[in-house]
């Protein structure tokens, strides 16, 4: 049987993010890196059994990257902390990459993290927990051209910029009593019209010349990384602002004539149109795009416009076949393409793949 050198796990996290890299390290041992944890129920029902399996196999969990403070990324971490406190789980995580949202936690005197008041939200709870076990990162995790080398897995931090991280902290340090935003847009006052999906528009009918970037401070603080294992590269874009990804890739020498060749792109912000730009995809040479979304969310993600920007990018090589993977399979997601003619798959040279597994997509190398 062929030895597995690397595996990618994309967990079903509804409209959230939860992933894992398992790989054979340069020391001859298998290592695991988790990236985000979805909601609390994602951890409890899906991730927790995998962590138990990892520990049973005698493997290490070397790193957990927590991109930012929104519930669909960090909620599972709060559940993990609760289980550690109650003895249901063991904390075997060697290292964390996480930017605390406040330089000083608003509840450093709180001793009972499990029953913390609602105003002490997940981002604060994680920061306090990591402080309590002396694993809070001592330096800000911001874009850098120098990779982290983890037993042969190179990790390049592409975002956030130091400026975007400062904006997050300015927002919450100006009012120490301000609770961290748990769900995107919850701090915006006033009624809003219900968001409608854009699935009725055909792929070729989107005007890709018009675009406005996401202005969420929390999304802009997302830790986004490029991982490289023996030339197998994956872009983990979290909910990052694409302009920051463009800046980092440009600084690494990539442009539309010299693209970053990678094997996977975990599409940013679940396929939001405001987080997927023409400029960003002009720098990326990839065949496999992963959408971590179920379509059943108030923001109507993924958007069809984001898919159009990937498939119709002006710098795309049209002879390269694109595969669009979705972590879920349901009527909502299949409805994205319901109004397309069958010829569109040949015209834009792509295929769609919905999850056949009940809990995760898994790819072996």
Protein backbone atom coordinates (compact mmCIF):
# COMPACT_ATOMS: atom_id res chain seq x y z
CA UNK A 1 0.00 0.00 0.00
CA UNK A 2 1.29 3.43 -0.93
CA UNK A 3 2.35 5.51 2.05
CA UNK A 4 0.19 8.57 2.63
CA UNK A 5 2.41 11.65 2.79
CA UNK A 6 -0.28 14.27 3.22
CA UNK A 7 -4.03 14.51 3.76
CA UNK A 8 -6.40 17.45 3.67
CA UNK A 9 -9.65 17.41 5.63
CA UNK A 10 -12.34 19.99 4.94
CA UNK A 11 -14.99 19.54 7.62
CA UNK A 12 -18.68 20.27 7.18
CA UNK A 13 -19.06 23.45 9.22
CA UNK A 14 -22.27 24.78 7.64
CA UNK A 15 -21.34 28.34 6.66
CA UNK A 16 -18.14 28.19 8.69
CA UNK A 17 -14.53 27.08 8.39
CA UNK A 18 -12.88 24.00 9.89
CA UNK A 19 -10.00 22.13 8.27
CA UNK A 20 -7.01 19.93 9.04
CA UNK A 21 -3.69 19.08 7.44
CA UNK A 22 -2.13 15.72 8.30
CA UNK A 23 1.34 15.05 6.94
CA UNK A 24 4.45 12.94 7.33
CA UNK A 25 7.02 15.25 8.84
CA UNK A 26 10.73 15.52 8.19
CA UNK A 27 11.24 13.67 11.49
CA UNK A 28 9.42 10.59 10.18
CA UNK A 29 6.33 11.16 12.33
CA UNK A 30 2.82 12.23 11.37
CA UNK A 31 1.80 15.75 12.35
CA UNK A 32 -1.52 17.59 12.37
CA UNK A 33 -2.42 21.23 11.89
CA UNK A 34 -5.98 22.46 12.42
CA UNK A 35 -7.26 25.65 10.81
CA UNK A 36 -10.32 27.12 12.55
CA UNK A 37 -13.02 25.02 14.19
CA UNK A 38 -16.42 26.10 12.88
CA UNK A 39 -19.25 26.41 15.37
CA UNK A 40 -19.49 24.79 18.78
CA UNK A 41 -21.53 21.94 17.31
CA UNK A 42 -18.88 21.47 14.60
CA UNK A 43 -16.28 20.69 17.22
CA UNK A 44 -18.58 18.54 19.34
CA UNK A 45 -19.98 16.41 16.52
CA UNK A 46 -17.16 16.27 13.99
CA UNK A 47 -13.76 17.51 15.15
CA UNK A 48 -13.69 16.03 18.64
CA UNK A 49 -13.81 12.39 17.43
CA UNK A 50 -10.95 13.14 15.02
CA UNK A 51 -8.87 14.62 17.83
CA UNK A 52 -9.44 11.48 19.87
CA UNK A 53 -8.34 9.39 16.90
CA UNK A 54 -5.18 11.47 16.52
CA UNK A 55 -4.25 10.97 20.15
CA UNK A 56 -5.08 7.25 20.02
CA UNK A 57 -2.70 6.90 17.05
CA UNK A 58 0.04 8.61 19.03
CA UNK A 59 0.25 11.54 16.63
CA UNK A 60 0.80 15.14 17.62
CA UNK A 61 -1.40 18.18 17.08
CA UNK A 62 1.35 20.66 16.42
CA UNK A 63 -0.61 23.77 15.64
CA UNK A 64 -4.08 25.28 15.66
CA UNK A 65 -4.58 28.40 13.56
CA UNK A 66 -7.59 30.44 14.67
CA UNK A 67 -8.19 33.03 11.98
CA UNK A 68 -10.44 35.54 13.76
CA UNK A 69 -13.21 36.10 16.30
CA UNK A 70 -16.40 35.31 14.36
CA UNK A 71 -18.45 32.40 15.69
CA UNK A 72 -18.30 30.36 12.48
CA UNK A 73 -14.52 30.08 12.88
CA UNK A 74 -13.88 30.25 16.62
CA UNK A 75 -17.08 28.79 18.10
CA UNK A 76 -15.64 25.28 18.07
CA UNK A 77 -12.66 26.49 20.07
CA UNK A 78 -14.92 27.66 22.88
CA UNK A 79 -16.50 24.20 22.91
CA UNK A 80 -13.02 22.65 23.03
CA UNK A 81 -12.08 24.80 26.03
CA UNK A 82 -15.29 23.80 27.80
CA UNK A 83 -14.52 20.12 27.26
CA UNK A 84 -10.98 20.57 28.52
CA UNK A 85 -12.32 22.24 31.66
CA UNK A 86 -14.81 19.43 32.28
CA UNK A 87 -12.28 16.70 31.50
CA UNK A 88 -14.03 15.50 28.34
CA UNK A 89 -11.04 16.49 26.19
CA UNK A 90 -7.30 16.70 26.70
CA UNK A 91 -5.36 19.71 25.53
CA UNK A 92 -2.54 18.27 23.45
CA UNK A 93 -2.11 21.30 21.20
CA UNK A 94 1.56 22.25 21.02
CA UNK A 95 1.19 25.75 19.58
CA UNK A 96 -1.47 28.26 18.58
CA UNK A 97 -1.57 31.03 15.98
CA UNK A 98 -4.12 33.56 17.16
CA UNK A 99 -4.24 37.33 17.47
CA UNK A 100 -5.86 38.47 20.67
CA UNK A 101 -8.47 41.13 19.82
CA UNK A 102 -7.47 43.28 22.81
CA UNK A 103 -3.96 43.82 24.10
CA UNK A 104 -5.38 43.46 27.61
CA UNK A 105 -8.33 41.15 28.16
CA UNK A 106 -11.43 42.77 29.57
CA UNK A 107 -11.86 40.05 32.18
CA UNK A 108 -8.43 39.02 33.39
CA UNK A 109 -9.87 38.42 36.85
CA UNK A 110 -12.46 35.93 35.62
CA UNK A 111 -11.52 32.49 36.90
CA UNK A 112 -14.38 30.46 35.49
CA UNK A 113 -14.01 30.58 31.72
CA UNK A 114 -16.82 28.09 31.11
CA UNK A 115 -19.45 30.21 32.85
CA UNK A 116 -18.10 33.59 31.74
CA UNK A 117 -20.72 36.33 31.23
CA UNK A 118 -22.08 36.71 27.73
CA UNK A 119 -20.18 39.96 27.21
CA UNK A 120 -16.94 38.00 27.56
CA UNK A 121 -17.09 36.43 24.16
CA UNK A 122 -15.18 33.69 22.43
CA UNK A 123 -12.22 35.79 21.32
CA UNK A 124 -11.63 36.91 24.89
CA UNK A 125 -12.18 33.42 26.27
CA UNK A 126 -9.55 31.94 23.96
CA UNK A 127 -7.04 34.69 24.78
CA UNK A 128 -7.55 34.16 28.50
CA UNK A 129 -7.29 30.40 28.16
CA UNK A 130 -4.04 30.60 26.19
CA UNK A 131 -2.64 32.99 28.77
CA UNK A 132 -3.58 30.57 31.54
CA UNK A 133 -1.57 27.76 29.92
CA UNK A 134 1.25 30.07 28.79
CA UNK A 135 0.62 29.53 25.08
CA UNK A 136 -0.59 32.97 23.98
CA UNK A 137 1.57 34.09 21.02
CA UNK A 138 4.03 36.73 22.19
CA UNK A 139 4.19 38.37 18.78
CA UNK A 140 1.40 39.52 16.50
CA UNK A 141 0.64 37.12 13.66
CA UNK A 142 0.81 39.38 10.61
CA UNK A 143 1.89 39.11 6.98
CA UNK A 144 5.50 38.04 6.56
CA UNK A 145 7.69 36.68 3.78
CA UNK A 146 9.54 34.46 6.28
CA UNK A 147 7.77 31.10 6.63
CA UNK A 148 7.18 29.04 9.73
CA UNK A 149 8.80 25.62 9.20
CA UNK A 150 6.92 22.88 11.02
CA UNK A 151 8.67 19.57 10.37
CA UNK A 152 8.73 20.21 6.63
CA UNK A 153 5.44 22.06 6.34
CA UNK A 154 6.13 25.68 5.47
CA UNK A 155 3.52 28.22 6.53
CA UNK A 156 3.55 31.71 5.01
CA UNK A 157 1.32 34.27 6.73
CA UNK A 158 -0.35 36.43 4.04
CA UNK A 159 -2.79 38.36 6.22
CA UNK A 160 -3.69 40.31 8.22
CA UNK A 161 -1.54 43.37 7.73
CA UNK A 162 -0.40 45.08 10.90
CA UNK A 163 -2.72 47.97 10.02
CA UNK A 164 -5.80 45.71 9.83
CA UNK A 165 -4.94 44.10 13.17
CA UNK A 166 -4.53 47.54 14.74
CA UNK A 167 -7.96 48.56 13.45
CA UNK A 168 -9.50 45.58 15.24
CA UNK A 169 -7.84 46.48 18.52
CA UNK A 170 -8.64 50.17 18.24
CA UNK A 171 -12.32 49.25 17.83
CA UNK A 172 -12.47 47.17 20.99
CA UNK A 173 -9.94 48.97 23.17
CA UNK A 174 -11.72 52.29 22.75
CA UNK A 175 -14.58 50.78 24.77
CA UNK A 176 -13.42 47.97 27.10
CA UNK A 177 -17.06 47.02 27.74
CA UNK A 178 -17.85 46.53 24.05
CA UNK A 179 -18.49 42.81 23.46
CA UNK A 180 -16.61 41.26 20.59
CA UNK A 181 -18.67 40.85 17.44
CA UNK A 182 -19.80 37.23 17.37
CA UNK A 183 -21.59 37.18 14.04
CA UNK A 184 -20.86 39.40 11.09
CA UNK A 185 -22.94 42.56 11.01
CA UNK A 186 -24.53 42.13 14.43
CA UNK A 187 -23.19 45.48 15.63
CA UNK A 188 -24.80 47.39 12.78
CA UNK A 189 -27.85 49.23 14.02
CA UNK A 190 -31.08 49.68 12.12
CA UNK A 191 -33.20 47.30 10.09
CA UNK A 192 -31.86 45.90 6.85
CA UNK A 193 -33.64 44.38 3.92
CA UNK A 194 -33.38 40.64 3.68
CA UNK A 195 -30.51 39.61 1.43
CA UNK A 196 -31.48 37.76 -1.73
CA UNK A 197 -29.27 35.27 -3.47
CA UNK A 198 -27.92 35.91 -6.97
CA UNK A 199 -28.48 32.39 -8.29
CA UNK A 200 -30.98 33.56 -10.90
CA UNK A 201 -28.17 35.32 -12.80
CA UNK A 202 -26.24 33.22 -15.29
CA UNK A 203 -22.46 33.01 -14.94
CA UNK A 204 -21.80 34.92 -18.16
CA UNK A 205 -24.16 37.75 -17.22
CA UNK A 206 -22.34 39.13 -14.18
CA UNK A 207 -20.69 42.51 -14.66
CA UNK A 208 -17.24 41.77 -13.24
CA UNK A 209 -16.01 45.33 -13.78
CA UNK A 210 -17.94 46.53 -10.72
CA UNK A 211 -16.73 45.49 -7.28
CA UNK A 212 -16.68 46.74 -3.69
CA UNK A 213 -14.43 45.15 -1.08
CA UNK A 214 -15.64 43.87 2.27
CA UNK A 215 -15.19 46.53 4.97
CA UNK A 216 -15.64 44.29 8.02
CA UNK A 217 -12.93 45.08 10.57
CA UNK A 218 -13.20 41.57 12.00
CA UNK A 219 -12.88 39.86 8.61
CA UNK A 220 -9.96 42.13 7.78
CA UNK A 221 -8.14 40.82 10.85
CA UNK A 222 -8.28 37.21 9.58
CA UNK A 223 -5.11 35.15 9.63
CA UNK A 224 -4.68 33.82 6.10
CA UNK A 225 -1.84 31.47 5.19
CA UNK A 226 -0.17 29.65 2.33
CA UNK A 227 1.05 26.17 3.23
CA UNK A 228 3.71 24.34 1.24
CA UNK A 229 4.54 20.68 1.82
CA UNK A 230 7.08 19.35 -0.68
CA UNK A 231 5.58 21.56 -3.38
CA UNK A 232 1.93 20.78 -2.51
CA UNK A 233 0.54 24.24 -1.86
CA UNK A 234 -2.76 25.34 -0.40
CA UNK A 235 -4.14 28.84 0.08
CA UNK A 236 -6.17 29.10 3.27
CA UNK A 237 -7.87 32.46 2.83
CA UNK A 238 -10.18 32.52 5.90
CA UNK A 239 -12.34 35.68 5.60
CA UNK A 240 -9.45 37.90 4.56
CA UNK A 241 -9.69 41.03 2.46
CA UNK A 242 -8.42 40.16 -1.04
CA UNK A 243 -6.45 43.41 -1.34
CA UNK A 244 -4.24 42.20 1.53
CA UNK A 245 -3.68 38.86 -0.20
CA UNK A 246 -2.74 40.69 -3.40
CA UNK A 247 -0.25 42.87 -1.51
CA UNK A 248 1.41 39.84 0.08
CA UNK A 249 1.58 37.82 -3.13
CA UNK A 250 2.99 40.81 -5.00
CA UNK A 251 5.68 41.20 -2.34
CA UNK A 252 6.57 37.53 -2.85
CA UNK A 253 7.13 38.23 -6.55
CA UNK A 254 3.85 36.98 -7.98
CA UNK A 255 1.87 38.80 -10.66
CA UNK A 256 -0.47 37.98 -13.55
CA UNK A 257 2.51 36.85 -15.64
CA UNK A 258 4.15 34.91 -12.82
CA UNK A 259 1.29 33.35 -10.89
CA UNK A 260 1.38 31.46 -7.63
CA UNK A 261 0.94 27.81 -8.58
CA UNK A 262 -1.01 25.95 -5.92
CA UNK A 263 -3.04 22.79 -5.59
CA UNK A 264 -5.94 24.16 -3.55
CA UNK A 265 -7.64 27.43 -2.75
CA UNK A 266 -9.94 27.48 0.26
CA UNK A 267 -12.10 30.29 -1.11
CA UNK A 268 -12.25 33.34 1.12
CA UNK A 269 -15.31 34.13 3.24
CA UNK A 270 -17.37 31.17 2.03
CA UNK A 271 -17.66 32.67 -1.44
CA UNK A 272 -18.74 36.20 -0.55
CA UNK A 273 -18.68 38.52 -3.55
CA UNK A 274 -16.98 41.24 -1.49
CA UNK A 275 -14.02 39.02 -0.58
CA UNK A 276 -13.21 37.53 -3.98
CA UNK A 277 -11.67 39.94 -6.45
CA UNK A 278 -10.46 39.85 -10.03
CA UNK A 279 -7.04 41.10 -8.92
CA UNK A 280 -6.56 38.26 -6.45
CA UNK A 281 -7.48 35.48 -8.87
CA UNK A 282 -5.25 37.05 -11.52
CA UNK A 283 -2.30 36.02 -9.32
CA UNK A 284 -3.35 32.41 -8.70
CA UNK A 285 -2.79 29.35 -10.90
CA UNK A 286 -4.93 26.59 -9.42
CA UNK A 287 -7.38 23.88 -10.47
CA UNK A 288 -9.18 23.10 -7.20
CA UNK A 289 -11.34 25.59 -5.31
CA UNK A 290 -13.06 24.70 -2.04
CA UNK A 291 -16.21 26.46 -0.85
CA UNK A 292 -16.86 25.92 2.86
CA UNK A 293 -20.54 26.85 2.87
CA UNK A 294 -23.95 25.22 2.90
CA UNK A 295 -26.01 27.97 1.27
CA UNK A 296 -28.38 28.01 4.26
CA UNK A 297 -27.35 31.28 5.85
CA UNK A 298 -28.64 34.83 6.05
CA UNK A 299 -25.81 36.15 3.88
CA UNK A 300 -26.72 33.75 1.02
CA UNK A 301 -23.20 32.36 0.72
CA UNK A 302 -21.68 31.28 -1.51
CA UNK A 303 -22.54 33.96 -4.03
CA UNK A 304 -22.64 33.04 -7.68
CA UNK A 305 -20.74 36.22 -8.49
CA UNK A 306 -17.69 34.92 -6.62
CA UNK A 307 -17.81 31.77 -8.73
CA UNK A 308 -18.03 33.85 -11.90
CA UNK A 309 -14.94 35.82 -10.85
CA UNK A 310 -12.97 32.59 -10.52
CA UNK A 311 -14.15 31.03 -13.77
CA UNK A 312 -14.09 34.15 -15.94
CA UNK A 313 -10.88 35.77 -14.75
CA UNK A 314 -9.23 37.57 -17.64
CA UNK A 315 -5.84 36.01 -16.84
CA UNK A 316 -7.11 32.46 -16.55
CA UNK A 317 -5.71 29.82 -18.88
CA UNK A 318 -8.91 28.42 -20.34
CA UNK A 319 -7.31 25.08 -21.22
CA UNK A 320 -6.95 24.33 -17.50
CA UNK A 321 -9.94 22.50 -16.06
CA UNK A 322 -11.31 23.93 -12.81
CA UNK A 323 -12.92 21.84 -10.07
CA UNK A 324 -15.29 23.58 -7.66
CA UNK A 325 -15.75 21.61 -4.45
CA UNK A 326 -18.48 22.21 -1.88
CA UNK A 327 -18.37 20.89 1.68
CA UNK A 328 -22.13 20.21 1.60
CA UNK A 329 -24.71 18.86 -0.82
CA UNK A 330 -28.26 20.18 -0.78
CA UNK A 331 -30.93 21.76 -2.97
CA UNK A 332 -29.77 25.29 -2.19
CA UNK A 333 -26.25 24.67 -3.48
CA UNK A 334 -27.41 22.75 -6.52
CA UNK A 335 -29.77 25.60 -7.32
CA UNK A 336 -26.75 27.83 -7.97
CA UNK A 337 -26.29 26.17 -11.34
CA UNK A 338 -29.90 25.20 -12.06
CA UNK A 339 -30.46 27.95 -14.63
CA UNK A 340 -27.30 27.23 -16.62
CA UNK A 341 -27.18 25.41 -19.93
CA UNK A 342 -25.14 22.21 -19.93
CA UNK A 343 -22.80 23.84 -22.44
CA UNK A 344 -21.50 26.22 -19.76
CA UNK A 345 -19.40 23.44 -18.23
CA UNK A 346 -17.48 23.03 -21.49
CA UNK A 347 -17.43 26.72 -22.30
CA UNK A 348 -15.89 27.70 -18.96
CA UNK A 349 -14.14 24.33 -18.58
CA UNK A 350 -15.16 23.39 -15.05
CA UNK A 351 -16.84 20.73 -12.95
CA UNK A 352 -18.72 20.90 -9.67
CA UNK A 353 -18.29 18.39 -6.86
CA UNK A 354 -20.60 18.22 -3.86
CA UNK A 355 -19.63 16.42 -0.68
CA UNK A 356 -20.43 12.71 -0.72
CA UNK A 357 -19.28 12.30 2.88
CA UNK A 358 -21.58 13.15 5.74
CA UNK A 359 -19.00 15.07 7.75
CA UNK A 360 -15.94 16.00 5.68
CA UNK A 361 -14.10 16.01 2.36
CA UNK A 362 -10.77 14.18 2.42
CA UNK A 363 -7.94 14.27 -0.10
CA UNK A 364 -4.81 12.10 0.04
CA UNK A 365 -1.35 12.61 -1.43
